[in-house]
N, C-alpha and C. Protein backbone atom coordinates (compact mmCIF):
# COMPACT_ATOMS: atom_id res chain seq x y z
N UNK A 1 125.81 133.37 110.79
CA UNK A 1 124.42 133.22 110.49
C UNK A 1 124.03 131.75 110.59
N UNK A 2 122.93 131.46 111.24
CA UNK A 2 122.50 130.08 111.41
C UNK A 2 121.72 129.60 110.18
N UNK A 3 121.60 128.29 110.08
CA UNK A 3 120.84 127.69 108.97
C UNK A 3 119.40 128.20 108.98
N UNK A 4 118.78 128.25 110.16
CA UNK A 4 117.40 128.70 110.26
C UNK A 4 117.25 130.15 109.82
N UNK A 5 118.22 130.98 110.16
CA UNK A 5 118.17 132.38 109.76
C UNK A 5 118.26 132.50 108.22
N UNK A 6 119.18 131.78 107.62
CA UNK A 6 119.30 131.79 106.16
C UNK A 6 118.05 131.24 105.49
N UNK A 7 117.52 130.16 106.04
CA UNK A 7 116.31 129.55 105.50
C UNK A 7 115.13 130.52 105.59
N UNK A 8 115.02 131.20 106.70
CA UNK A 8 113.94 132.17 106.89
C UNK A 8 114.04 133.30 105.87
N UNK A 9 115.23 133.84 105.69
CA UNK A 9 115.43 134.92 104.73
C UNK A 9 115.08 134.47 103.31
N UNK A 10 115.51 133.27 102.96
CA UNK A 10 115.22 132.73 101.62
C UNK A 10 113.72 132.56 101.43
N UNK A 11 113.04 131.94 102.40
CA UNK A 11 111.61 131.70 102.28
C UNK A 11 110.81 132.99 102.23
N UNK A 12 111.21 133.99 103.00
CA UNK A 12 110.51 135.27 102.96
C UNK A 12 110.70 135.96 101.62
N UNK A 13 111.82 135.75 100.99
CA UNK A 13 112.05 136.30 99.66
C UNK A 13 111.17 135.60 98.63
N UNK A 14 111.05 134.28 98.75
CA UNK A 14 110.26 133.50 97.80
C UNK A 14 108.74 133.62 98.05
N UNK A 15 108.36 133.69 99.32
CA UNK A 15 106.96 133.70 99.71
C UNK A 15 106.72 134.83 100.71
N UNK A 16 106.58 136.06 100.24
CA UNK A 16 106.48 137.22 101.14
C UNK A 16 105.27 137.17 102.08
N UNK A 17 104.26 136.41 101.75
CA UNK A 17 103.08 136.31 102.61
C UNK A 17 103.38 135.53 103.90
N UNK A 18 104.59 134.91 104.01
CA UNK A 18 104.99 134.24 105.25
C UNK A 18 105.57 135.21 106.27
N UNK A 19 105.65 136.47 105.92
CA UNK A 19 106.21 137.46 106.85
C UNK A 19 105.41 137.43 108.15
N UNK A 20 106.12 137.42 109.25
CA UNK A 20 105.49 137.36 110.56
C UNK A 20 105.22 135.96 111.06
N UNK A 21 105.55 134.95 110.25
CA UNK A 21 105.35 133.56 110.66
C UNK A 21 106.46 133.12 111.60
N UNK A 22 106.15 132.15 112.43
CA UNK A 22 107.15 131.57 113.32
C UNK A 22 107.62 130.26 112.69
N UNK A 23 108.93 130.10 112.57
CA UNK A 23 109.50 128.90 111.98
C UNK A 23 110.30 128.14 113.02
N UNK A 24 110.19 126.82 112.96
CA UNK A 24 110.98 125.94 113.82
C UNK A 24 111.45 124.77 112.96
N UNK A 25 112.75 124.52 112.98
CA UNK A 25 113.33 123.46 112.16
C UNK A 25 113.77 122.30 113.04
N UNK A 26 113.36 121.09 112.66
CA UNK A 26 113.79 119.87 113.34
C UNK A 26 114.78 119.17 112.41
N UNK A 27 116.11 119.30 112.68
CA UNK A 27 117.10 118.77 111.75
C UNK A 27 117.09 117.25 111.60
N UNK A 28 116.75 116.52 112.64
CA UNK A 28 116.77 115.05 112.55
C UNK A 28 115.71 114.58 111.55
N UNK A 29 114.50 115.14 111.65
CA UNK A 29 113.42 114.76 110.73
C UNK A 29 113.43 115.59 109.45
N UNK A 30 114.29 116.60 109.40
CA UNK A 30 114.34 117.54 108.28
C UNK A 30 112.96 118.13 108.00
N UNK A 31 112.32 118.55 109.10
CA UNK A 31 110.97 119.10 109.04
C UNK A 31 110.99 120.55 109.47
N UNK A 32 110.29 121.38 108.71
CA UNK A 32 110.15 122.79 109.04
C UNK A 32 108.70 123.05 109.44
N UNK A 33 108.51 123.52 110.66
CA UNK A 33 107.19 123.89 111.15
C UNK A 33 107.01 125.38 110.94
N UNK A 34 105.91 125.75 110.30
CA UNK A 34 105.63 127.15 110.01
C UNK A 34 104.27 127.49 110.60
N UNK A 35 104.24 128.44 111.50
CA UNK A 35 102.99 128.91 112.09
C UNK A 35 102.69 130.27 111.47
N UNK A 36 101.74 130.30 110.55
CA UNK A 36 101.38 131.52 109.82
C UNK A 36 100.33 132.29 110.62
N UNK A 37 100.75 133.24 111.39
CA UNK A 37 99.84 134.02 112.22
C UNK A 37 99.04 135.02 111.42
N UNK A 38 99.63 135.57 110.36
CA UNK A 38 98.99 136.66 109.63
C UNK A 38 98.32 136.22 108.34
N UNK A 39 98.46 134.97 107.97
CA UNK A 39 97.85 134.49 106.73
C UNK A 39 96.38 134.25 107.00
N UNK A 40 95.52 135.09 106.45
CA UNK A 40 94.10 134.98 106.74
C UNK A 40 93.37 134.11 105.73
N UNK A 41 93.96 133.87 104.58
CA UNK A 41 93.31 133.04 103.56
C UNK A 41 94.21 131.88 103.20
N UNK A 42 93.75 130.68 103.51
CA UNK A 42 94.53 129.48 103.20
C UNK A 42 94.64 129.30 101.68
N UNK A 43 93.76 129.92 100.94
CA UNK A 43 93.78 129.84 99.47
C UNK A 43 95.12 130.29 98.91
N UNK A 44 95.71 131.32 99.50
CA UNK A 44 97.02 131.81 99.05
C UNK A 44 98.06 130.71 99.19
N UNK A 45 98.04 130.03 100.32
CA UNK A 45 98.99 128.94 100.57
C UNK A 45 98.79 127.80 99.59
N UNK A 46 97.54 127.42 99.34
CA UNK A 46 97.26 126.30 98.44
C UNK A 46 97.73 126.58 97.02
N UNK A 47 97.78 127.84 96.62
CA UNK A 47 98.28 128.19 95.30
C UNK A 47 99.79 127.99 95.19
N UNK A 48 100.47 127.93 96.32
CA UNK A 48 101.93 127.81 96.34
C UNK A 48 102.44 126.43 96.71
N UNK A 49 101.54 125.45 96.86
CA UNK A 49 101.94 124.12 97.31
C UNK A 49 103.01 123.52 96.41
N UNK A 50 102.82 123.58 95.12
CA UNK A 50 103.79 122.97 94.21
C UNK A 50 105.16 123.64 94.32
N UNK A 51 105.17 124.96 94.39
CA UNK A 51 106.44 125.69 94.52
C UNK A 51 107.16 125.33 95.81
N UNK A 52 106.42 125.18 96.89
CA UNK A 52 107.01 124.81 98.18
C UNK A 52 107.56 123.39 98.11
N UNK A 53 106.77 122.48 97.54
CA UNK A 53 107.17 121.07 97.47
C UNK A 53 108.40 120.85 96.60
N UNK A 54 108.63 121.70 95.64
CA UNK A 54 109.76 121.53 94.73
C UNK A 54 111.06 122.17 95.24
N UNK A 55 111.00 122.81 96.40
CA UNK A 55 112.20 123.41 96.97
C UNK A 55 113.22 122.34 97.31
N UNK A 56 114.45 122.57 96.97
CA UNK A 56 115.54 121.66 97.33
C UNK A 56 116.47 122.42 98.27
N UNK A 57 116.07 122.51 99.52
CA UNK A 57 116.79 123.33 100.50
C UNK A 57 117.14 122.55 101.76
N UNK A 58 117.08 121.22 101.68
CA UNK A 58 117.42 120.41 102.84
C UNK A 58 116.25 120.15 103.77
N UNK A 59 115.06 120.52 103.35
CA UNK A 59 113.85 120.27 104.14
C UNK A 59 113.06 119.20 103.40
N UNK A 60 112.67 118.15 104.12
CA UNK A 60 111.89 117.08 103.50
C UNK A 60 110.39 117.28 103.70
N UNK A 61 110.01 118.02 104.73
CA UNK A 61 108.60 118.16 105.06
C UNK A 61 108.33 119.54 105.65
N UNK A 62 107.28 120.17 105.19
CA UNK A 62 106.78 121.40 105.77
C UNK A 62 105.47 121.08 106.47
N UNK A 63 105.33 121.50 107.71
CA UNK A 63 104.06 121.41 108.41
C UNK A 63 103.64 122.84 108.68
N UNK A 64 102.56 123.25 108.03
CA UNK A 64 102.14 124.64 108.06
C UNK A 64 100.81 124.75 108.78
N UNK A 65 100.78 125.62 109.78
CA UNK A 65 99.54 125.85 110.51
C UNK A 65 99.06 127.27 110.24
N UNK A 66 97.76 127.37 110.07
CA UNK A 66 97.10 128.65 109.85
C UNK A 66 95.96 128.71 110.87
N UNK A 67 95.82 129.83 111.60
CA UNK A 67 94.74 129.92 112.59
C UNK A 67 93.37 129.59 111.99
N UNK A 68 92.58 128.87 112.74
CA UNK A 68 91.22 128.49 112.36
C UNK A 68 91.18 127.72 111.05
N UNK A 69 92.16 126.86 110.83
CA UNK A 69 92.23 126.08 109.60
C UNK A 69 92.93 124.75 109.88
N UNK A 70 92.86 123.85 108.93
CA UNK A 70 93.51 122.54 109.04
C UNK A 70 95.00 122.70 108.77
N UNK A 71 95.83 121.99 109.55
CA UNK A 71 97.27 122.00 109.29
C UNK A 71 97.53 121.36 107.92
N UNK A 72 98.54 121.87 107.24
CA UNK A 72 98.90 121.35 105.93
C UNK A 72 100.30 120.75 106.03
N UNK A 73 100.44 119.52 105.54
CA UNK A 73 101.74 118.85 105.50
C UNK A 73 102.13 118.72 104.04
N UNK A 74 103.29 119.26 103.69
CA UNK A 74 103.78 119.18 102.33
C UNK A 74 105.08 118.38 102.35
N UNK A 75 105.07 117.26 101.64
CA UNK A 75 106.27 116.43 101.50
C UNK A 75 107.05 116.96 100.30
N UNK A 76 108.30 117.32 100.51
CA UNK A 76 109.12 117.87 99.43
C UNK A 76 109.62 116.75 98.54
N UNK A 77 109.38 116.91 97.26
CA UNK A 77 109.81 115.96 96.26
C UNK A 77 110.17 116.75 95.01
N UNK A 78 111.41 116.68 94.57
CA UNK A 78 111.81 117.47 93.41
C UNK A 78 111.01 117.15 92.14
N UNK A 79 110.57 115.90 91.99
CA UNK A 79 109.88 115.50 90.76
C UNK A 79 108.36 115.50 90.89
N UNK A 80 107.84 115.85 92.03
CA UNK A 80 106.41 115.85 92.25
C UNK A 80 106.12 116.38 93.62
N UNK A 81 104.87 116.37 93.99
CA UNK A 81 104.55 116.86 95.32
C UNK A 81 103.35 116.13 95.88
N UNK A 82 103.20 116.25 97.20
CA UNK A 82 102.11 115.58 97.88
C UNK A 82 101.63 116.46 99.01
N UNK A 83 100.34 116.67 99.08
CA UNK A 83 99.73 117.46 100.13
C UNK A 83 98.87 116.55 100.97
N UNK A 84 99.14 116.45 102.25
CA UNK A 84 98.42 115.56 103.14
C UNK A 84 97.46 116.34 104.02
N UNK A 85 96.39 116.80 103.46
CA UNK A 85 95.35 117.42 104.25
C UNK A 85 94.01 116.95 103.71
N UNK A 86 94.03 115.83 103.03
CA UNK A 86 92.83 115.27 102.47
C UNK A 86 92.41 115.91 101.15
N UNK A 87 93.16 116.88 100.66
CA UNK A 87 92.73 117.57 99.46
C UNK A 87 93.44 117.08 98.19
N UNK A 88 94.75 116.92 98.25
CA UNK A 88 95.48 116.74 97.01
C UNK A 88 96.65 115.80 97.21
N UNK A 89 96.76 114.82 96.34
CA UNK A 89 97.92 113.93 96.34
C UNK A 89 98.30 113.68 94.89
N UNK A 90 99.55 113.86 94.57
CA UNK A 90 100.03 113.60 93.21
C UNK A 90 101.23 112.72 93.23
C-alpha cells in the first residue's frame, strides 16, 4: 500500500464529504492537493479547517479546490492553524 493510498483512506474516514475528491501529494513540499469535485458548499469545508490544520500526518500544507470557489490553503500546525484565503488567520 502506498503512502497516498493510506492517506486517502484515513482522510475519507475523518472527512467523508471528501469522497470522490482527487488527491495529489507532493512529498518534497509536503503538500497535499485536494480537488473536491462533489463538494457543493464550501461552508462544510470551512467548518473543518481547524480539524484539518491540526492533523499530524506528514502533510504541512493542504491546497483545496472547490468548483466555482476560491482555493483554500491550510497550513498544518499542531498548536494552531492558518487559513490563507483572505478569511481567517490565527
